[in-house]
């Protein structure tokens, strides 16, 4: 193996880790260790970014304003960006289950499990 091939392989592995493995690890950590709360959707705006697939299968990245409540913590207003399937996009006024990073309550995702 020549030097450029080795460097190219290393770069490819690093990009694969950063692009696929690390986000999946973060999501699993949120689902396993996240602090459960609720949030009322204040605003929903579609960005120009879409993930995975083409046309109807792509998941649009949404910018969502939330009033978030966690047990024992005052309500706070946050804005998050999260991708959703077209049929799962939350609506203004809807109350949803959220998960927060146990180390930073400002890092929130709308839970895929809506058991409020």
N, C-alpha and C. Protein backbone atom coordinates (compact mmCIF):
# COMPACT_ATOMS: atom_id res chain seq x y z
N UNK A 1 0.85 -1.19 0.00
CA UNK A 1 0.00 0.00 0.00
C UNK A 1 0.89 1.24 0.00
N UNK A 2 0.51 2.19 -0.84
CA UNK A 2 1.29 3.42 -0.87
C UNK A 2 0.72 4.43 0.12
N UNK A 3 1.50 5.46 0.38
CA UNK A 3 1.17 6.46 1.39
C UNK A 3 -0.17 7.17 1.12
N UNK A 4 -0.46 7.66 -0.10
CA UNK A 4 -1.76 8.32 -0.34
C UNK A 4 -2.96 7.41 -0.08
N UNK A 5 -2.84 6.13 -0.38
CA UNK A 5 -3.93 5.19 -0.12
C UNK A 5 -4.18 5.04 1.37
N UNK A 6 -3.11 4.97 2.15
CA UNK A 6 -3.25 4.86 3.61
C UNK A 6 -3.91 6.11 4.18
N UNK A 7 -3.45 7.28 3.75
CA UNK A 7 -4.02 8.55 4.23
C UNK A 7 -5.50 8.64 3.82
N UNK A 8 -5.81 8.28 2.59
CA UNK A 8 -7.19 8.31 2.12
C UNK A 8 -8.09 7.39 2.92
N UNK A 9 -7.60 6.22 3.27
CA UNK A 9 -8.36 5.26 4.07
C UNK A 9 -8.61 5.82 5.47
N UNK A 10 -7.61 6.41 6.07
CA UNK A 10 -7.75 7.01 7.41
C UNK A 10 -8.77 8.14 7.38
N UNK A 11 -8.70 9.00 6.39
CA UNK A 11 -9.65 10.12 6.26
C UNK A 11 -11.07 9.59 6.09
N UNK A 12 -11.23 8.57 5.28
CA UNK A 12 -12.55 7.97 5.07
C UNK A 12 -13.12 7.40 6.36
N UNK A 13 -12.31 6.73 7.15
CA UNK A 13 -12.75 6.16 8.43
C UNK A 13 -13.16 7.27 9.39
N UNK A 14 -12.38 8.35 9.46
CA UNK A 14 -12.69 9.48 10.35
C UNK A 14 -14.02 10.11 9.95
N UNK A 15 -14.22 10.37 8.66
CA UNK A 15 -15.47 10.97 8.21
C UNK A 15 -16.67 10.04 8.47
N UNK A 16 -16.49 8.75 8.29
CA UNK A 16 -17.56 7.80 8.59
C UNK A 16 -17.93 7.86 10.07
N UNK A 17 -16.93 7.91 10.94
CA UNK A 17 -17.18 7.98 12.38
C UNK A 17 -17.92 9.26 12.74
N UNK A 18 -17.43 10.39 12.24
CA UNK A 18 -18.04 11.68 12.56
C UNK A 18 -19.44 11.79 11.99
N UNK A 19 -19.66 11.27 10.79
CA UNK A 19 -20.94 11.42 10.13
C UNK A 19 -22.01 10.43 10.52
N UNK A 20 -21.61 9.20 10.91
CA UNK A 20 -22.62 8.17 11.16
C UNK A 20 -22.56 7.58 12.56
N UNK A 21 -21.39 7.20 13.01
CA UNK A 21 -21.27 6.49 14.29
C UNK A 21 -21.54 7.43 15.46
N UNK A 22 -20.89 8.57 15.47
CA UNK A 22 -21.03 9.49 16.61
C UNK A 22 -22.47 10.00 16.79
N UNK A 23 -23.15 10.44 15.73
CA UNK A 23 -24.55 10.86 15.92
C UNK A 23 -25.44 9.73 16.45
N UNK A 24 -25.21 8.51 15.99
CA UNK A 24 -26.01 7.37 16.48
C UNK A 24 -25.74 7.13 17.96
N UNK A 25 -24.49 7.30 18.39
CA UNK A 25 -24.16 7.14 19.81
C UNK A 25 -24.85 8.21 20.65
N UNK A 26 -24.86 9.45 20.16
CA UNK A 26 -25.53 10.54 20.89
C UNK A 26 -27.02 10.26 21.02
N UNK A 27 -27.63 9.81 19.93
CA UNK A 27 -29.07 9.53 19.96
C UNK A 27 -29.39 8.41 20.95
N UNK A 28 -28.58 7.34 20.94
CA UNK A 28 -28.80 6.24 21.88
C UNK A 28 -28.66 6.72 23.32
N UNK A 29 -27.68 7.61 23.57
CA UNK A 29 -27.48 8.14 24.93
C UNK A 29 -28.69 8.96 25.35
N UNK A 30 -29.20 9.81 24.45
CA UNK A 30 -30.40 10.59 24.76
C UNK A 30 -31.56 9.66 25.10
N UNK A 31 -31.78 8.63 24.30
CA UNK A 31 -32.92 7.74 24.52
C UNK A 31 -32.76 6.94 25.81
N UNK A 32 -31.52 6.60 26.16
CA UNK A 32 -31.28 5.79 27.36
C UNK A 32 -31.24 6.64 28.63
N UNK A 33 -30.49 7.75 28.61
CA UNK A 33 -30.23 8.52 29.83
C UNK A 33 -30.94 9.87 29.88
N UNK A 34 -31.68 10.22 28.83
CA UNK A 34 -32.29 11.54 28.77
C UNK A 34 -33.32 11.77 29.87
N UNK A 35 -33.38 12.99 30.35
CA UNK A 35 -34.36 13.39 31.36
C UNK A 35 -35.68 13.68 30.64
N UNK A 36 -36.74 13.02 31.09
CA UNK A 36 -38.04 13.18 30.44
C UNK A 36 -38.75 14.44 30.91
N UNK A 37 -39.40 15.09 29.96
CA UNK A 37 -40.19 16.27 30.24
C UNK A 37 -41.25 16.44 29.18
N UNK A 38 -41.93 17.56 29.20
CA UNK A 38 -42.93 17.87 28.19
C UNK A 38 -42.64 19.26 27.63
N UNK A 39 -43.17 19.51 26.45
CA UNK A 39 -42.99 20.82 25.83
C UNK A 39 -44.22 21.15 24.99
N UNK A 40 -44.57 22.43 24.98
CA UNK A 40 -45.62 22.91 24.10
C UNK A 40 -44.94 23.54 22.89
N UNK A 41 -45.37 23.16 21.70
CA UNK A 41 -44.80 23.68 20.47
C UNK A 41 -45.29 25.12 20.27
N UNK A 42 -44.36 26.04 20.18
CA UNK A 42 -44.69 27.46 20.02
C UNK A 42 -44.61 27.87 18.54
N UNK A 43 -43.62 27.34 17.84
CA UNK A 43 -43.47 27.67 16.42
C UNK A 43 -42.81 26.51 15.69
N UNK A 44 -43.12 26.40 14.41
CA UNK A 44 -42.54 25.35 13.55
C UNK A 44 -42.20 26.00 12.21
N UNK A 45 -40.92 25.92 11.84
CA UNK A 45 -40.48 26.47 10.56
C UNK A 45 -39.61 25.45 9.85
N UNK A 46 -39.86 25.28 8.57
CA UNK A 46 -39.07 24.36 7.76
C UNK A 46 -37.81 25.10 7.30
N UNK A 47 -36.66 24.42 7.42
CA UNK A 47 -35.42 24.96 6.87
C UNK A 47 -35.27 24.43 5.44
N UNK A 48 -34.21 24.79 4.78
CA UNK A 48 -33.98 24.32 3.42
C UNK A 48 -33.21 23.01 3.36
N UNK A 49 -32.92 22.43 4.53
CA UNK A 49 -32.11 21.22 4.61
C UNK A 49 -33.01 19.99 4.72
N UNK A 50 -32.66 18.93 4.00
CA UNK A 50 -33.37 17.65 4.09
C UNK A 50 -32.35 16.54 4.24
N UNK A 51 -32.72 15.50 5.00
CA UNK A 51 -31.84 14.36 5.25
C UNK A 51 -32.42 13.09 4.68
N UNK A 52 -31.56 12.23 4.19
CA UNK A 52 -31.91 10.86 3.83
C UNK A 52 -32.98 10.72 2.79
N UNK A 53 -32.63 10.30 1.63
CA UNK A 53 -33.61 10.01 0.61
C UNK A 53 -33.89 11.21 -0.28
N UNK A 54 -34.79 10.97 -1.20
CA UNK A 54 -35.14 12.01 -2.15
C UNK A 54 -36.64 12.25 -2.09
N UNK A 55 -37.00 13.48 -2.33
CA UNK A 55 -38.39 13.89 -2.43
C UNK A 55 -39.23 13.46 -1.23
N UNK A 56 -40.19 12.58 -1.41
CA UNK A 56 -41.13 12.26 -0.34
C UNK A 56 -40.51 11.48 0.82
N UNK A 57 -39.34 10.85 0.60
CA UNK A 57 -38.70 10.09 1.67
C UNK A 57 -37.72 10.93 2.48
N UNK A 58 -37.39 12.11 2.03
CA UNK A 58 -36.44 12.97 2.74
C UNK A 58 -37.08 13.50 4.02
N UNK A 59 -36.25 13.66 5.05
CA UNK A 59 -36.72 14.21 6.32
C UNK A 59 -36.29 15.67 6.40
N UNK A 60 -37.25 16.61 6.36
CA UNK A 60 -36.88 18.01 6.45
C UNK A 60 -36.39 18.38 7.85
N UNK A 61 -35.39 19.24 7.90
CA UNK A 61 -34.90 19.76 9.17
C UNK A 61 -35.80 20.91 9.56
N UNK A 62 -36.40 20.81 10.74
CA UNK A 62 -37.34 21.83 11.21
C UNK A 62 -36.71 22.63 12.35
N UNK A 63 -37.03 23.92 12.40
CA UNK A 63 -36.63 24.76 13.53
C UNK A 63 -37.89 24.94 14.37
N UNK A 64 -37.82 24.50 15.62
CA UNK A 64 -39.02 24.42 16.46
C UNK A 64 -38.82 25.21 17.75
N UNK A 65 -39.75 26.10 18.03
CA UNK A 65 -39.76 26.84 19.30
C UNK A 65 -40.58 26.06 20.31
N UNK A 66 -40.03 25.88 21.51
CA UNK A 66 -40.67 25.07 22.55
C UNK A 66 -40.72 25.82 23.88
N UNK A 67 -41.79 25.62 24.64
CA UNK A 67 -41.83 25.95 26.07
C UNK A 67 -41.65 24.62 26.79
N UNK A 68 -40.48 24.41 27.38
CA UNK A 68 -40.09 23.12 27.93
C UNK A 68 -40.27 23.09 29.44
N UNK A 69 -40.82 21.98 29.94
CA UNK A 69 -41.00 21.78 31.38
C UNK A 69 -40.37 20.46 31.81
N UNK A 70 -39.55 20.54 32.85
CA UNK A 70 -38.99 19.35 33.48
C UNK A 70 -39.33 19.40 34.96
N UNK A 71 -39.50 18.26 35.61
CA UNK A 71 -39.84 18.25 37.03
C UNK A 71 -38.81 19.03 37.86
N UNK A 72 -39.31 19.97 38.65
CA UNK A 72 -38.45 20.72 39.56
C UNK A 72 -37.64 21.84 38.92
N UNK A 73 -37.88 22.12 37.64
CA UNK A 73 -37.13 23.16 36.93
C UNK A 73 -38.13 24.12 36.30
N UNK A 74 -37.90 25.44 36.42
CA UNK A 74 -38.85 26.39 35.82
C UNK A 74 -38.96 26.21 34.30
N UNK A 75 -40.14 26.53 33.77
CA UNK A 75 -40.37 26.45 32.32
C UNK A 75 -39.41 27.39 31.61
N UNK A 76 -38.87 26.91 30.49
CA UNK A 76 -37.96 27.74 29.70
C UNK A 76 -38.32 27.61 28.24
N UNK A 77 -38.03 28.66 27.48
CA UNK A 77 -38.30 28.67 26.04
C UNK A 77 -36.99 28.37 25.31
N UNK A 78 -37.05 27.37 24.42
CA UNK A 78 -35.88 26.96 23.64
C UNK A 78 -36.26 26.87 22.17
N UNK A 79 -35.26 26.98 21.33
CA UNK A 79 -35.42 26.71 19.91
C UNK A 79 -34.47 25.58 19.55
N UNK A 80 -35.00 24.55 18.91
CA UNK A 80 -34.18 23.40 18.52
C UNK A 80 -34.31 23.17 17.02
N UNK A 81 -33.37 22.43 16.47
CA UNK A 81 -33.47 21.97 15.08
C UNK A 81 -33.47 20.45 15.12
N UNK A 82 -34.46 19.86 14.45
CA UNK A 82 -34.59 18.41 14.44
C UNK A 82 -35.25 17.98 13.13
N UNK A 83 -34.79 16.86 12.58
CA UNK A 83 -35.38 16.32 11.35
C UNK A 83 -36.55 15.41 11.69
N UNK A 84 -37.59 15.47 10.86
CA UNK A 84 -38.78 14.66 11.05
C UNK A 84 -39.22 14.07 9.73
N UNK A 85 -39.86 12.91 9.78
CA UNK A 85 -40.55 12.40 8.60
C UNK A 85 -41.67 13.39 8.30
N UNK A 86 -42.01 13.51 7.04
CA UNK A 86 -43.01 14.50 6.64
C UNK A 86 -44.31 14.35 7.42
N UNK A 87 -44.72 13.13 7.73
CA UNK A 87 -45.99 12.90 8.43
C UNK A 87 -45.87 13.02 9.95
N UNK A 88 -44.63 13.20 10.47
CA UNK A 88 -44.43 13.33 11.91
C UNK A 88 -44.12 14.75 12.37
N UNK A 89 -44.18 15.72 11.48
CA UNK A 89 -43.84 17.10 11.85
C UNK A 89 -44.84 17.60 12.88
N UNK A 90 -44.34 18.08 14.03
CA UNK A 90 -45.27 18.57 15.07
C UNK A 90 -45.97 19.85 14.63
N UNK A 91 -47.10 20.11 15.27
CA UNK A 91 -47.90 21.28 14.94
C UNK A 91 -47.90 22.28 16.10
N UNK A 92 -48.02 23.54 15.77
CA UNK A 92 -48.07 24.60 16.78
C UNK A 92 -49.21 24.33 17.75
N UNK A 93 -48.92 24.45 19.06
CA UNK A 93 -49.91 24.20 20.09
C UNK A 93 -49.91 22.79 20.63
N UNK A 94 -49.28 21.87 19.92
CA UNK A 94 -49.22 20.48 20.34
C UNK A 94 -48.30 20.34 21.56
N UNK A 95 -48.64 19.44 22.48
CA UNK A 95 -47.80 19.12 23.62
C UNK A 95 -47.11 17.80 23.32
N UNK A 96 -45.78 17.78 23.46
CA UNK A 96 -44.99 16.60 23.09
C UNK A 96 -44.07 16.20 24.23
N UNK A 97 -43.67 14.94 24.23
CA UNK A 97 -42.65 14.46 25.17
C UNK A 97 -41.28 14.86 24.65
N UNK A 98 -40.41 15.29 25.55
CA UNK A 98 -39.05 15.67 25.18
C UNK A 98 -38.06 14.96 26.08
N UNK A 99 -36.84 14.87 25.60
CA UNK A 99 -35.73 14.31 26.38
C UNK A 99 -34.63 15.35 26.41
N UNK A 100 -34.02 15.53 27.59
CA UNK A 100 -32.93 16.49 27.73
C UNK A 100 -31.65 15.77 28.12
N UNK A 101 -30.55 16.34 27.70
CA UNK A 101 -29.24 15.85 28.09
C UNK A 101 -29.11 16.05 29.61
N UNK A 102 -28.79 15.00 30.37
CA UNK A 102 -28.69 15.14 31.83
C UNK A 102 -27.63 16.15 32.27
N UNK A 103 -26.66 16.43 31.41
CA UNK A 103 -25.60 17.38 31.75
C UNK A 103 -25.92 18.80 31.30
N UNK A 104 -26.92 18.97 30.42
CA UNK A 104 -27.25 20.30 29.89
C UNK A 104 -28.72 20.30 29.48
N UNK A 105 -29.57 20.86 30.33
CA UNK A 105 -31.01 20.85 30.09
C UNK A 105 -31.42 21.71 28.88
N UNK A 106 -30.50 22.47 28.31
CA UNK A 106 -30.81 23.25 27.11
C UNK A 106 -30.63 22.42 25.84
N UNK A 107 -30.05 21.24 25.94
CA UNK A 107 -29.92 20.32 24.81
C UNK A 107 -31.10 19.36 24.85
N UNK A 108 -32.07 19.59 24.00
CA UNK A 108 -33.35 18.87 24.05
C UNK A 108 -33.66 18.29 22.68
N UNK A 109 -34.29 17.11 22.67
CA UNK A 109 -34.87 16.56 21.45
C UNK A 109 -36.32 16.19 21.74
N UNK A 110 -37.12 16.26 20.71
CA UNK A 110 -38.49 15.76 20.82
C UNK A 110 -38.41 14.26 20.76
N UNK A 111 -38.97 13.61 21.77
CA UNK A 111 -38.85 12.16 21.88
C UNK A 111 -39.60 11.45 20.77
N UNK A 112 -39.00 10.39 20.22
CA UNK A 112 -39.74 9.59 19.24
C UNK A 112 -40.85 8.77 19.90
N UNK A 113 -40.80 8.66 21.22
CA UNK A 113 -41.81 7.91 21.97
C UNK A 113 -42.72 8.92 22.65
N UNK A 114 -43.92 9.11 22.14
CA UNK A 114 -44.82 10.14 22.64
C UNK A 114 -45.78 9.60 23.69
N UNK A 115 -45.21 9.11 24.80
CA UNK A 115 -46.03 8.59 25.89
C UNK A 115 -46.09 9.61 27.02
N UNK A 116 -46.86 10.65 26.79
CA UNK A 116 -46.95 11.74 27.78
C UNK A 116 -47.85 11.30 28.91
